N, C-alpha and C. Protein backbone atom coordinates (compact mmCIF):
# COMPACT_ATOMS: atom_id res chain seq x y z
N UNK A 1 131.19 124.80 91.28
CA UNK A 1 129.80 125.01 90.92
C UNK A 1 128.93 124.63 92.13
N UNK A 2 127.96 125.47 92.42
CA UNK A 2 127.11 125.27 93.59
C UNK A 2 125.77 124.67 93.16
N UNK A 3 125.12 123.96 94.10
CA UNK A 3 123.78 123.45 93.82
C UNK A 3 122.76 124.23 94.66
N UNK A 4 121.49 124.07 94.33
CA UNK A 4 120.41 124.83 94.95
C UNK A 4 120.36 124.59 96.46
N UNK A 5 120.49 123.34 96.88
CA UNK A 5 120.40 123.04 98.31
C UNK A 5 121.50 123.73 99.11
N UNK A 6 122.72 123.75 98.59
CA UNK A 6 123.82 124.41 99.30
C UNK A 6 123.59 125.92 99.31
N UNK A 7 123.13 126.48 98.22
CA UNK A 7 122.86 127.92 98.17
C UNK A 7 121.79 128.30 99.20
N UNK A 8 120.75 127.48 99.33
CA UNK A 8 119.70 127.74 100.32
C UNK A 8 120.27 127.67 101.73
N UNK A 9 121.09 126.68 101.97
CA UNK A 9 121.73 126.51 103.29
C UNK A 9 122.57 127.75 103.64
N UNK A 10 123.35 128.21 102.70
CA UNK A 10 124.19 129.39 102.93
C UNK A 10 123.34 130.63 103.18
N UNK A 11 122.25 130.79 102.42
CA UNK A 11 121.42 131.98 102.57
C UNK A 11 120.74 132.03 103.94
N UNK A 12 120.56 130.89 104.58
CA UNK A 12 119.91 130.82 105.89
C UNK A 12 120.89 130.92 107.06
N UNK A 13 122.18 130.82 106.77
CA UNK A 13 123.19 130.85 107.83
C UNK A 13 123.34 132.26 108.38
N UNK A 14 123.65 132.36 109.64
CA UNK A 14 123.86 133.65 110.25
C UNK A 14 125.29 134.15 110.12
N UNK A 15 126.13 133.34 109.51
CA UNK A 15 127.54 133.71 109.38
C UNK A 15 127.90 133.86 107.91
N UNK A 16 128.97 134.59 107.67
CA UNK A 16 129.42 134.80 106.29
C UNK A 16 130.14 133.56 105.77
N UNK A 17 129.83 133.21 104.54
CA UNK A 17 130.50 132.11 103.85
C UNK A 17 131.13 132.72 102.61
N UNK A 18 132.36 132.32 102.30
CA UNK A 18 133.07 132.88 101.15
C UNK A 18 132.51 132.30 99.86
N UNK A 19 131.59 133.06 99.24
CA UNK A 19 130.98 132.66 97.97
C UNK A 19 131.32 133.73 96.95
N UNK A 20 131.64 133.30 95.74
CA UNK A 20 132.00 134.24 94.69
C UNK A 20 131.14 134.06 93.46
N UNK A 21 130.96 135.19 92.77
CA UNK A 21 130.28 135.20 91.48
C UNK A 21 131.15 136.04 90.56
N UNK A 22 131.64 135.44 89.50
CA UNK A 22 132.51 136.16 88.58
C UNK A 22 133.78 136.68 89.23
N UNK A 23 134.29 135.94 90.22
CA UNK A 23 135.51 136.32 90.90
C UNK A 23 135.34 137.37 91.98
N UNK A 24 134.09 137.74 92.26
CA UNK A 24 133.80 138.77 93.25
C UNK A 24 133.06 138.16 94.44
N UNK A 25 133.44 138.56 95.66
CA UNK A 25 132.79 138.06 96.87
C UNK A 25 131.35 138.59 96.91
N UNK A 26 130.40 137.68 97.17
CA UNK A 26 128.99 138.07 97.16
C UNK A 26 128.27 137.54 98.40
N UNK A 27 127.07 138.06 98.61
CA UNK A 27 126.17 137.62 99.67
C UNK A 27 124.91 137.07 99.00
N UNK A 28 124.46 135.89 99.42
CA UNK A 28 123.23 135.30 98.87
C UNK A 28 122.07 135.74 99.75
N UNK A 29 121.13 136.50 99.17
CA UNK A 29 119.96 136.96 99.90
C UNK A 29 118.88 135.89 99.96
N UNK A 30 118.61 135.29 98.80
CA UNK A 30 117.54 134.29 98.73
C UNK A 30 117.79 133.38 97.54
N UNK A 31 117.06 132.26 97.52
CA UNK A 31 117.20 131.27 96.46
C UNK A 31 115.82 130.89 95.93
N UNK A 32 115.68 130.86 94.61
CA UNK A 32 114.46 130.41 93.97
C UNK A 32 114.72 128.99 93.47
N UNK A 33 114.14 128.02 94.19
CA UNK A 33 114.39 126.61 93.85
C UNK A 33 113.87 126.25 92.47
N UNK A 34 112.68 126.73 92.13
CA UNK A 34 112.06 126.36 90.85
C UNK A 34 112.89 126.82 89.65
N UNK A 35 113.42 128.03 89.75
CA UNK A 35 114.21 128.57 88.64
C UNK A 35 115.71 128.31 88.80
N UNK A 36 116.10 127.77 89.97
CA UNK A 36 117.51 127.51 90.28
C UNK A 36 118.35 128.78 90.15
N UNK A 37 117.80 129.88 90.72
CA UNK A 37 118.51 131.15 90.72
C UNK A 37 118.68 131.65 92.15
N UNK A 38 119.62 132.56 92.32
CA UNK A 38 119.87 133.17 93.62
C UNK A 38 119.85 134.68 93.47
N UNK A 39 119.30 135.36 94.47
CA UNK A 39 119.35 136.82 94.54
C UNK A 39 120.60 137.16 95.33
N UNK A 40 121.53 137.87 94.69
CA UNK A 40 122.82 138.14 95.31
C UNK A 40 123.16 139.63 95.23
N UNK A 41 124.18 140.01 96.01
CA UNK A 41 124.81 141.32 95.81
C UNK A 41 126.27 141.22 96.20
N UNK A 42 127.13 142.03 95.55
CA UNK A 42 128.54 142.06 95.92
C UNK A 42 128.71 142.63 97.32
N UNK A 43 129.62 142.08 98.10
CA UNK A 43 129.85 142.57 99.46
C UNK A 43 130.25 144.04 99.47
N UNK A 44 130.95 144.48 98.44
CA UNK A 44 131.41 145.87 98.41
C UNK A 44 130.42 146.82 97.75
N UNK A 45 129.24 146.31 97.34
CA UNK A 45 128.24 147.15 96.68
C UNK A 45 126.84 146.55 96.89
N UNK A 46 126.29 146.66 98.10
CA UNK A 46 125.00 146.02 98.42
C UNK A 46 123.83 146.50 97.56
N UNK A 47 123.94 147.66 96.93
CA UNK A 47 122.85 148.14 96.08
C UNK A 47 122.81 147.44 94.72
N UNK A 48 123.84 146.72 94.36
CA UNK A 48 123.93 146.08 93.05
C UNK A 48 123.34 144.67 93.09
N UNK A 49 122.09 144.55 93.52
CA UNK A 49 121.44 143.25 93.60
C UNK A 49 121.16 142.71 92.19
N UNK A 50 121.23 141.39 92.08
CA UNK A 50 120.91 140.75 90.80
C UNK A 50 120.52 139.30 91.02
N UNK A 51 119.80 138.74 90.07
CA UNK A 51 119.46 137.33 90.07
C UNK A 51 120.42 136.61 89.14
N UNK A 52 121.00 135.51 89.64
CA UNK A 52 121.95 134.75 88.84
C UNK A 52 121.66 133.26 88.99
N UNK A 53 122.14 132.48 88.06
CA UNK A 53 122.01 131.03 88.13
C UNK A 53 122.84 130.50 89.29
N UNK A 54 122.25 129.62 90.09
CA UNK A 54 122.96 129.06 91.24
C UNK A 54 124.25 128.37 90.82
N UNK A 55 124.23 127.70 89.68
CA UNK A 55 125.43 126.96 89.27
C UNK A 55 126.59 127.86 88.82
N UNK A 56 126.34 129.18 88.79
CA UNK A 56 127.43 130.12 88.46
C UNK A 56 128.14 130.61 89.72
N UNK A 57 127.67 130.17 90.90
CA UNK A 57 128.28 130.58 92.17
C UNK A 57 129.34 129.58 92.57
N UNK A 58 130.41 130.08 93.19
CA UNK A 58 131.50 129.24 93.64
C UNK A 58 131.74 129.48 95.13
N UNK A 59 131.81 128.38 95.90
CA UNK A 59 132.15 128.48 97.31
C UNK A 59 133.64 128.24 97.47
N UNK A 60 134.29 129.15 98.14
CA UNK A 60 135.74 129.05 98.34
C UNK A 60 136.06 128.30 99.61
């Protein structure tokens, strides 16, 4: 389970970090601290953007 601060750190990094949502590799675009959500998309489908709870993300 990920926390908001780590999700923000990953979203600002210039390198890829292995993060998964529902068993799928994803990219974190941005993080909303107030709502504790992240804007993500699957690496294999960048058009499938969605907002998810930060605590549902897993760093491998």
